[in-house]
């Protein structure tokens, strides 16, 4: 089977050449499966874009005096502020506890493995 689609997916099957390329890079692709790496990358990009939008909106608010452009500057400022502060909240509410839970699971697994080895 050359397809990796689930029930109800309307994805085209992979060609033999595509599967060969994936096979050549499977060792590089496997770390991305955990999701944490991908999540952190998107969070960093979002934080950076939010911070740039916040600062850009703040600077534009000081220079622009005409009404339609002032509205744009205010919207940009508000969007940037909400974006980067929202990402900070996500890091504290989701990423840190997830990482701590994973570390605890790894410690408990190591302890149980050492206990089995002794027995």
Foldseek 3Di string as FASTA:
>chain_A
DQADDDPPDPDDGDDPVRVVVCVVCVVVCVVCVVVLVVVVVVLVVQLVQLQVLLVQLVVQCVVDDDPVSNVVSVVSNVSSVCRNVVSVVCCVPPVVVVVVVVVVVVVVVVVVVVVVVVD
